[in-house]
C-alpha atoms as a PDB file:
ATOM      1  CA  MET A   1      -0.071   0.328   0.009  1.00  0.00           C
ATOM      2  CA  GLY A   2       2.453   2.249   0.616  1.00  0.00           C
ATOM      3  CA  ILE A   3       3.923   1.895  -3.104  1.00  0.00           C
ATOM      4  CA  VAL A   4       0.328   3.171  -4.278  1.00  0.00           C
ATOM      5  CA  HIS A   5      -0.158   6.062  -1.590  1.00  0.00           C
ATOM      6  CA  GLY A   6       3.492   7.431  -2.965  1.00  0.00           C
ATOM      7  CA  ALA A   7       2.550   6.662  -6.810  1.00  0.00           C
ATOM      8  CA  THR A   8      -0.919   8.449  -5.899  1.00  0.00           C
ATOM      9  CA  ARG A   9      -0.899  11.204  -3.270  1.00  0.00           C
ATOM     10  CA  GLU A  10       2.893  12.379  -3.086  1.00  0.00           C
ATOM     11  CA  ARG A  11       4.026  14.664  -6.014  1.00  0.00           C
ATOM     12  CA  ASN A  12       7.512  14.376  -5.644  1.00  0.00           C
ATOM     13  CA  VAL A  13       6.906  10.376  -5.763  1.00  0.00           C
ATOM     14  CA  LYS A  14       4.704  11.340  -9.266  1.00  0.00           C
ATOM     15  CA  PHE A  15       7.568  13.519 -10.334  1.00  0.00           C
ATOM     16  CA  HIS A  16       9.968  10.897 -10.434  1.00  0.00           C
ATOM     17  CA  LEU A  17       7.472   8.185 -12.086  1.00  0.00           C
ATOM     18  CA  VAL A  18       7.126  10.513 -15.099  1.00  0.00           C
ATOM     19  CA  ALA A  19      10.923  10.978 -14.961  1.00  0.00           C
ATOM     20  CA  ALA A  20      10.869   7.456 -14.950  1.00  0.00           C
ATOM     21  CA  ILE A  21       8.594   6.708 -17.592  1.00  0.00           C
ATOM     22  CA  VAL A  22      10.740   9.442 -19.703  1.00  0.00           C
ATOM     23  CA  VAL A  23      14.023   7.541 -19.625  1.00  0.00           C
ATOM     24  CA  ILE A  24      12.530   4.229 -20.136  1.00  0.00           C
ATOM     25  CA  VAL A  25      11.402   5.417 -23.376  1.00  0.00           C
ATOM     26  CA  VAL A  26      14.597   7.097 -24.580  1.00  0.00           C
ATOM     27  CA  GLY A  27      16.662   4.632 -23.229  1.00  0.00           C
ATOM     28  CA  TRP A  28      14.414   1.883 -25.467  1.00  0.00           C
ATOM     29  CA  TRP A  29      14.545   4.760 -28.208  1.00  0.00           C
ATOM     30  CA  THR A  30      18.672   4.753 -28.043  1.00  0.00           C
ATOM     31  CA  GLY A  31      19.038   1.223 -27.694  1.00  0.00           C
ATOM     32  CA  LEU A  32      20.387   0.611 -24.242  1.00  0.00           C
ATOM     33  CA  SER A  33      23.125  -2.379 -23.309  1.00  0.00           C
ATOM     34  CA  GLN A  34      21.954  -4.557 -20.787  1.00  0.00           C
ATOM     35  CA  LEU A  35      24.608  -2.980 -18.380  1.00  0.00           C
ATOM     36  CA  GLU A  36      23.299   0.074 -19.161  1.00  0.00           C
ATOM     37  CA  TRP A  37      19.872  -0.802 -18.483  1.00  0.00           C
ATOM     38  CA  ILE A  38      20.390  -2.485 -14.896  1.00  0.00           C
ATOM     39  CA  ILE A  39      22.215   0.791 -13.944  1.00  0.00           C
ATOM     40  CA  ILE A  40      19.159   2.736 -14.736  1.00  0.00           C
ATOM     41  CA  THR A  41      17.006   0.391 -13.397  1.00  0.00           C
ATOM     42  CA  ALA A  42      19.206   0.601 -10.003  1.00  0.00           C
ATOM     43  CA  VAL A  43      18.588   4.434 -10.120  1.00  0.00           C
ATOM     44  CA  ILE A  44      14.839   4.206 -10.819  1.00  0.00           C
ATOM     45  CA  ALA A  45      14.506   1.629  -8.049  1.00  0.00           C
ATOM     46  CA  LEU A  46      16.723   3.691  -5.610  1.00  0.00           C
ATOM     47  CA  MET A  47      15.030   7.280  -6.604  1.00  0.00           C
ATOM     48  CA  ILE A  48      11.851   6.356  -5.838  1.00  0.00           C
ATOM     49  CA  ALA A  49      12.702   4.229  -2.562  1.00  0.00           C
ATOM     50  CA  LEU A  50      14.619   7.307  -1.680  1.00  0.00           C
ATOM     51  CA  GLU A  51      11.464   9.966  -2.321  1.00  0.00           C
ATOM     52  CA  LEU A  52       9.448   7.127  -0.494  1.00  0.00           C
ATOM     53  CA  MET A  53      11.829   7.149   2.666  1.00  0.00           C
ATOM     54  CA  ASN A  54      11.591  10.945   2.806  1.00  0.00           C
ATOM     55  CA  ALA A  55       7.735  11.005   2.939  1.00  0.00           C
ATOM     56  CA  ALA A  56       7.919   8.600   5.483  1.00  0.00           C
ATOM     57  CA  VAL A  57      10.830  10.932   7.275  1.00  0.00           C
ATOM     58  CA  GLU A  58       8.138  13.997   6.668  1.00  0.00           C
ATOM     59  CA  ARG A  59       5.074  11.679   8.455  1.00  0.00           C
ATOM     60  CA  VAL A  60       6.578  10.189  11.068  1.00  0.00           C
ATOM     61  CA  VAL A  61       8.175  14.457  12.151  1.00  0.00           C
ATOM     62  CA  ASP A  62       4.448  15.893  11.224  1.00  0.00           C
ATOM     63  CA  LEU A  63       2.834  12.674  13.724  1.00  0.00           C
ATOM     64  CA  VAL A  64       5.814  13.507  16.780  1.00  0.00           C
ATOM     65  CA  THR A  65       5.339  17.084  16.942  1.00  0.00           C
ATOM     66  CA  GLN A  66       2.812  19.841  14.832  1.00  0.00           C
ATOM     67  CA  GLU A  67       4.767  22.402  16.524  1.00  0.00           C
ATOM     68  CA  ARG A  68       7.564  24.345  15.002  1.00  0.00           C
ATOM     69  CA  GLN A  69      10.935  22.642  16.634  1.00  0.00           C
ATOM     70  CA  PRO A  70      14.499  23.135  14.858  1.00  0.00           C
ATOM     71  CA  LEU A  71      15.247  19.264  15.147  1.00  0.00           C
ATOM     72  CA  ALA A  72      11.975  18.695  13.354  1.00  0.00           C
ATOM     73  CA  LYS A  73      13.221  20.830  10.712  1.00  0.00           C
ATOM     74  CA  GLN A  74      16.424  19.124  10.574  1.00  0.00           C
ATOM     75  CA  ALA A  75      15.271  15.956  10.439  1.00  0.00           C
ATOM     76  CA  LYS A  76      13.005  17.054   7.006  1.00  0.00           C
ATOM     77  CA  ASP A  77      15.905  18.701   6.019  1.00  0.00           C
ATOM     78  CA  LEU A  78      18.502  16.485   5.770  1.00  0.00           C
ATOM     79  CA  ALA A  79      15.877  13.554   4.283  1.00  0.00           C
ATOM     80  CA  ALA A  80      15.515  15.963   1.429  1.00  0.00           C
ATOM     81  CA  GLY A  81      18.886  16.456   1.192  1.00  0.00           C
ATOM     82  CA  ALA A  82      19.340  12.536   0.208  1.00  0.00           C
ATOM     83  CA  VAL A  83      16.681  12.687  -2.441  1.00  0.00           C
ATOM     84  CA  LEU A  84      19.002  15.932  -3.828  1.00  0.00           C
ATOM     85  CA  VAL A  85      22.154  14.330  -3.576  1.00  0.00           C
ATOM     86  CA  PHE A  86      20.603  10.942  -5.013  1.00  0.00           C
ATOM     87  CA  SER A  87      18.775  13.418  -7.661  1.00  0.00           C
ATOM     88  CA  ILE A  88      21.917  14.786  -8.830  1.00  0.00           C
ATOM     89  CA  ALA A  89      23.728  12.016  -8.814  1.00  0.00           C
ATOM     90  CA  SER A  90      21.041  10.084 -10.784  1.00  0.00           C
ATOM     91  CA  ALA A  91      21.161  12.871 -13.419  1.00  0.00           C
ATOM     92  CA  ILE A  92      24.869  12.660 -13.492  1.00  0.00           C
ATOM     93  CA  ILE A  93      24.846   8.772 -14.158  1.00  0.00           C
ATOM     94  CA  GLY A  94      22.254   9.509 -16.853  1.00  0.00           C
ATOM     95  CA  LEU A  95      24.053  12.079 -18.874  1.00  0.00           C
ATOM     96  CA  LEU A  96      27.610   9.470 -18.698  1.00  0.00           C
ATOM     97  CA  ILE A  97      25.078   6.920 -20.622  1.00  0.00           C
ATOM     98  CA  PHE A  98      23.287   8.815 -22.659  1.00  0.00           C
ATOM     99  CA  LEU A  99      25.362  11.689 -24.528  1.00  0.00           C
ATOM    100  CA  PRO A 100      27.890   9.812 -25.328  1.00  0.00           C
ATOM    101  CA  LYS A 101      25.309   7.894 -27.369  1.00  0.00           C
ATOM    102  CA  TRP A 102      23.991  10.570 -28.643  1.00  0.00           C
ATOM    103  CA  LEU A 103      26.766  12.603 -29.470  1.00  0.00           C
ATOM    104  CA  MET A 104      28.486   9.971 -31.977  1.00  0.00           C
END
């Protein structure tokens, strides 16, 4: 149910799912190798899993306190930061896989 909840109610999970579909279509069109598909699949799965964990951290923090707490904000910011770091890494991985194929 968590995946369904994330896919239907979490804006950022929806965004990453749409991005994943675009990457899959472009990967099919580009003709990726088996190893490249393994890497792309792992990156997509990890990105969505990390986004779901970020949403879970936000829910737990909100459950514990509705007040403005510095530690609560830090927990949310750290989880969002982890998503940002992996998003940047994912984009770099995508460029390393796709650009050489497109520039040939």
